[in-house]
Amino acid sequence: MILDDVGHGYDRGFLFRSLKADLQPGSIAVITGSNGTGKTTLLRILAGLLTPREGRVTYCNGKGSLPISSVRPRLGFVTPAISLYPDLTARENVLLACALRGLRGTLDVGSWLDRLGLSGRENDLVGSFSLGMRQRLKYACLFAYSPEVLLLDEPCSHLDEEGRRIVADLVLQYRGEGVVVIATNDPREVQWGELLINLDSCGHPTKGR
C-alpha cells in the first residue's frame, strides 16, 4: 500500500497534506494525532470509502497496482462506528460478515469465538451483549474471513484488560500475514507499530522503536 502525497480536508482547509508512506506486508503502521487531525478520515481513505482531495493511495501486489474494487473484499475494518446486527446471533453475524465478502461454506466460527473469549455465546443474540463483548465479536467477524489488510480505529475500545491482551496477541500474530494500520493515541497500542504517522506533524511518518 503506497500513500503518495495524500491530503484531505474540508471547507476550512486541510486536515493533513503531503503524506507519503510505503506500507509493506509484515508491518504495522500507527496513526496518531490530536482529536480532529483526521485519524479516522485517513483510515476511511485507505479503505476506499473516501477519496482524498490530494494525492492517491495505491494498492499493489507482485505484478502491479490493483483497483480498489478488487482490494475492498480483502480489507478488514474495525471501528467503534461499525455496528453489528443485534437481532442475529454471534454465529450469524460472523457468517454474514464472511458471506458479504464472498466466503461461504464451512467456516470454523466456533474457534474464532473461543479465541475472542466468547465461548458458549455462539447462539446468543448480539443485542444481549455488552459493549466489550460486541467489540470482541467484531474481531471474530474480521479474522474469520482472513483479510490481507487490517484497518483498526481505536482497536481496544470498550475492552477490559483480558480483551486487550487477546486483541494485541491476534494483531501482532497477524503482522506476518498482511498489512496492519492502526489509528490510536493509546500509548500501549502505539508500541505495536514500526511506522508512526503523526498527523500533528502534517502526517510525515517516522520510524518507531
Protein backbone atom coordinates (compact mmCIF):
# COMPACT_ATOMS: atom_id res chain seq x y z
CA MET A 1 0.00 0.00 0.00
CA ILE A 2 1.58 3.29 -1.12
CA LEU A 3 0.45 6.74 0.03
CA ASP A 4 1.63 9.35 -2.45
CA ASP A 5 1.25 12.98 -1.29
CA VAL A 6 -2.13 12.23 0.26
CA GLY A 7 -4.02 15.18 1.66
CA HIS A 8 -7.57 15.74 2.80
CA GLY A 9 -9.73 18.35 4.44
CA TYR A 10 -12.99 20.18 4.25
CA ASP A 11 -14.25 23.71 3.59
CA ARG A 12 -11.98 25.40 6.10
CA GLY A 13 -8.76 23.80 4.90
CA PHE A 14 -6.75 20.62 5.15
CA LEU A 15 -6.55 18.15 7.99
CA PHE A 16 -3.27 16.77 6.64
CA ARG A 17 -1.22 17.15 3.46
CA SER A 18 1.77 15.67 1.64
CA LEU A 19 1.51 12.33 3.39
CA LYS A 20 3.89 9.72 1.99
CA ALA A 21 4.27 6.13 3.21
CA ASP A 22 5.03 2.69 1.82
CA LEU A 23 3.23 0.09 3.93
CA GLN A 24 4.53 -3.40 3.26
CA PRO A 25 3.15 -6.80 4.34
CA GLY A 26 4.61 -7.83 7.66
CA SER A 27 4.42 -4.35 9.13
CA ILE A 28 2.22 -2.33 11.46
CA ALA A 29 1.72 1.41 10.96
CA VAL A 30 0.20 3.55 13.71
CA ILE A 31 -1.61 6.81 13.00
CA THR A 32 -1.56 9.23 15.93
CA GLY A 33 -2.61 12.82 16.42
CA SER A 34 -4.82 15.14 18.41
CA ASN A 35 -8.58 14.90 18.15
CA GLY A 36 -9.74 16.40 14.87
CA THR A 37 -6.48 15.85 12.96
CA GLY A 38 -8.02 13.21 10.70
CA LYS A 39 -7.05 9.79 12.03
CA THR A 40 -10.39 8.15 11.18
CA THR A 41 -10.57 10.12 7.94
CA LEU A 42 -7.24 8.67 6.85
CA LEU A 43 -8.41 5.14 7.65
CA ARG A 44 -11.53 5.73 5.55
CA ILE A 45 -9.32 6.85 2.66
CA LEU A 46 -7.19 3.72 2.99
CA ALA A 47 -10.38 1.61 2.96
CA GLY A 48 -11.52 3.24 -0.28
CA LEU A 49 -14.55 4.78 1.42
CA LEU A 50 -13.34 8.33 0.87
CA THR A 51 -11.40 9.96 -1.98
CA PRO A 52 -8.52 12.20 -0.87
CA ARG A 53 -8.52 15.81 -2.00
CA GLU A 54 -4.87 15.47 -2.97
CA GLY A 55 -2.62 12.59 -3.91
CA ARG A 56 -3.57 8.95 -4.13
CA VAL A 57 -3.44 5.59 -2.39
CA THR A 58 -2.21 2.65 -4.48
CA TYR A 59 -2.66 -1.00 -3.57
CA CYS A 60 -0.14 -3.34 -5.14
CA ASN A 61 0.70 -6.99 -5.48
CA GLY A 62 3.76 -8.59 -7.04
CA LYS A 63 2.51 -7.77 -10.54
CA GLY A 64 1.49 -4.13 -10.17
CA SER A 65 -1.26 -1.87 -8.86
CA LEU A 66 -4.78 -3.10 -8.12
CA PRO A 67 -8.14 -1.32 -8.45
CA ILE A 68 -9.86 -0.60 -5.14
CA SER A 69 -12.85 -2.70 -6.25
CA SER A 70 -10.67 -5.82 -6.19
CA VAL A 71 -8.95 -4.84 -2.95
CA ARG A 72 -12.01 -3.95 -0.86
CA PRO A 73 -13.10 -7.58 -0.22
CA ARG A 74 -9.60 -8.22 1.19
CA LEU A 75 -9.82 -5.36 3.69
CA GLY A 76 -10.81 -5.72 7.32
CA PHE A 77 -12.05 -2.57 9.07
CA VAL A 78 -12.86 -2.39 12.79
CA THR A 79 -14.09 0.92 14.20
CA PRO A 80 -16.41 1.98 17.03
CA ALA A 81 -18.75 3.37 14.35
CA ILE A 82 -19.36 -0.06 12.78
CA SER A 83 -22.43 -1.81 14.19
CA LEU A 84 -23.31 -5.47 14.48
CA TYR A 85 -26.78 -6.90 13.96
CA PRO A 86 -28.43 -7.14 17.41
CA ASP A 87 -31.25 -9.41 16.21
CA LEU A 88 -28.79 -12.01 14.91
CA THR A 89 -26.71 -14.42 16.96
CA ALA A 90 -22.95 -14.14 17.30
CA ARG A 91 -22.54 -17.01 14.85
CA GLU A 92 -24.91 -15.43 12.33
CA ASN A 93 -23.03 -12.12 12.49
CA VAL A 94 -19.75 -13.87 11.69
CA LEU A 95 -21.27 -15.88 8.85
CA LEU A 96 -22.86 -12.74 7.38
CA ALA A 97 -19.57 -10.83 7.52
CA CYS A 98 -17.89 -13.65 5.61
CA ALA A 99 -20.73 -14.03 3.09
CA LEU A 100 -20.60 -10.33 2.25
CA ARG A 101 -17.00 -10.90 1.16
CA GLY A 102 -17.85 -13.94 -0.94
CA LEU A 103 -16.72 -16.52 1.59
CA ARG A 104 -19.32 -19.24 2.08
CA GLY A 105 -19.37 -22.88 3.05
CA THR A 106 -17.85 -24.48 6.11
CA LEU A 107 -16.29 -21.92 8.44
CA ASP A 108 -14.76 -22.57 11.82
CA VAL A 109 -16.83 -19.89 13.53
CA GLY A 110 -16.70 -21.57 16.93
CA SER A 111 -12.92 -21.49 17.16
CA TRP A 112 -12.78 -17.75 16.47
CA LEU A 113 -15.46 -17.05 19.05
CA ASP A 114 -13.47 -19.16 21.52
CA ARG A 115 -10.25 -17.29 20.77
CA LEU A 116 -12.02 -13.98 21.41
CA GLY A 117 -13.34 -15.19 24.75
CA LEU A 118 -16.93 -15.70 23.58
CA SER A 119 -17.12 -19.43 24.16
CA GLY A 120 -20.68 -20.57 24.85
CA ARG A 121 -22.24 -17.39 23.41
CA GLU A 122 -22.32 -18.57 19.79
CA ASN A 123 -26.13 -18.82 19.64
CA ASP A 124 -26.95 -15.81 21.82
CA LEU A 125 -28.47 -12.70 20.26
CA VAL A 126 -25.93 -9.89 19.99
CA GLY A 127 -28.49 -7.48 21.44
CA SER A 128 -27.77 -9.08 24.81
CA PHE A 129 -24.01 -8.47 24.56
CA SER A 130 -22.09 -5.78 26.46
CA LEU A 131 -20.05 -3.21 24.53
CA GLY A 132 -16.88 -5.16 25.28
CA MET A 133 -18.38 -8.40 24.02
CA ARG A 134 -19.52 -6.67 20.83
CA GLN A 135 -16.01 -5.35 20.28
CA ARG A 136 -14.64 -8.87 20.65
CA LEU A 137 -17.25 -10.15 18.19
CA LYS A 138 -16.16 -7.55 15.63
CA TYR A 139 -12.72 -9.17 15.70
CA ALA A 140 -14.21 -12.64 15.30
CA CYS A 141 -16.03 -11.33 12.21
CA LEU A 142 -12.79 -9.77 10.99
CA PHE A 143 -10.37 -12.67 11.36
CA ALA A 144 -12.84 -15.33 10.21
CA TYR A 145 -12.50 -14.20 6.59
CA SER A 146 -8.70 -13.75 6.70
CA PRO A 147 -8.30 -10.21 5.30
CA GLU A 148 -4.98 -9.15 3.82
CA VAL A 149 -5.15 -5.62 5.24
CA LEU A 150 -6.34 -4.71 8.75
CA LEU A 151 -7.55 -1.16 9.39
CA LEU A 152 -8.23 -0.64 13.10
CA ASP A 153 -9.68 2.52 14.65
CA GLU A 154 -9.17 2.61 18.43
CA PRO A 155 -8.67 -1.17 18.39
CA CYS A 156 -9.19 -1.79 22.11
CA SER A 157 -12.18 0.49 22.59
CA HIS A 158 -14.55 -0.85 25.30
CA LEU A 159 -12.27 -3.81 26.07
CA ASP A 160 -11.16 -4.90 29.53
CA GLU A 161 -7.57 -5.98 30.19
CA GLU A 162 -8.21 -9.56 29.11
CA GLY A 163 -9.81 -8.35 25.88
CA ARG A 164 -6.88 -6.02 25.23
CA ARG A 165 -4.45 -8.89 25.65
CA ILE A 166 -6.42 -11.13 23.27
CA VAL A 167 -6.64 -8.46 20.58
CA ALA A 168 -2.99 -7.44 20.96
CA ASP A 169 -1.87 -11.05 20.58
CA LEU A 170 -4.03 -11.56 17.45
CA VAL A 171 -2.90 -8.33 15.80
CA LEU A 172 0.79 -8.97 16.48
CA GLN A 173 0.46 -12.55 15.20
CA TYR A 174 -1.25 -11.25 12.06
CA ARG A 175 1.64 -8.90 11.32
CA GLY A 176 3.47 -11.61 9.38
CA GLU A 177 0.48 -12.22 7.10
CA GLY A 178 -0.51 -8.76 5.90
CA VAL A 179 -0.54 -5.01 6.43
CA VAL A 180 -1.92 -3.53 9.67
CA VAL A 181 -2.81 0.16 10.10
CA ILE A 182 -4.00 1.39 13.49
CA ALA A 183 -5.41 4.78 14.47
CA THR A 184 -4.88 5.40 18.19
CA ASN A 185 -3.47 7.70 20.85
CA ASP A 186 -3.22 4.92 23.44
CA PRO A 187 0.50 4.55 24.32
CA ARG A 188 0.11 0.78 24.70
CA GLU A 189 -1.23 0.45 21.14
CA VAL A 190 1.29 2.91 19.69
CA GLN A 191 4.01 0.45 20.77
CA TRP A 192 2.62 -2.15 18.37
CA GLY A 193 3.86 -0.25 15.32
CA GLU A 194 7.15 0.09 13.47
CA LEU A 195 5.98 3.10 11.45
CA LEU A 196 4.44 6.12 13.17
CA ILE A 197 2.33 8.62 11.23
CA ASN A 198 1.80 11.64 13.46
CA LEU A 199 -0.88 13.87 11.96
CA ASP A 200 0.08 16.64 14.41
CA SER A 201 3.26 16.88 12.32
CA CYS A 202 1.42 17.20 8.99
CA GLY A 203 1.33 13.45 8.60
CA HIS A 204 5.02 12.83 7.96
CA PRO A 205 5.94 9.23 9.00
CA THR A 206 8.87 8.48 11.27
CA LYS A 207 10.44 5.20 12.27
CA GLY A 208 9.31 3.93 15.66
CA ARG A 209 11.11 1.87 18.29
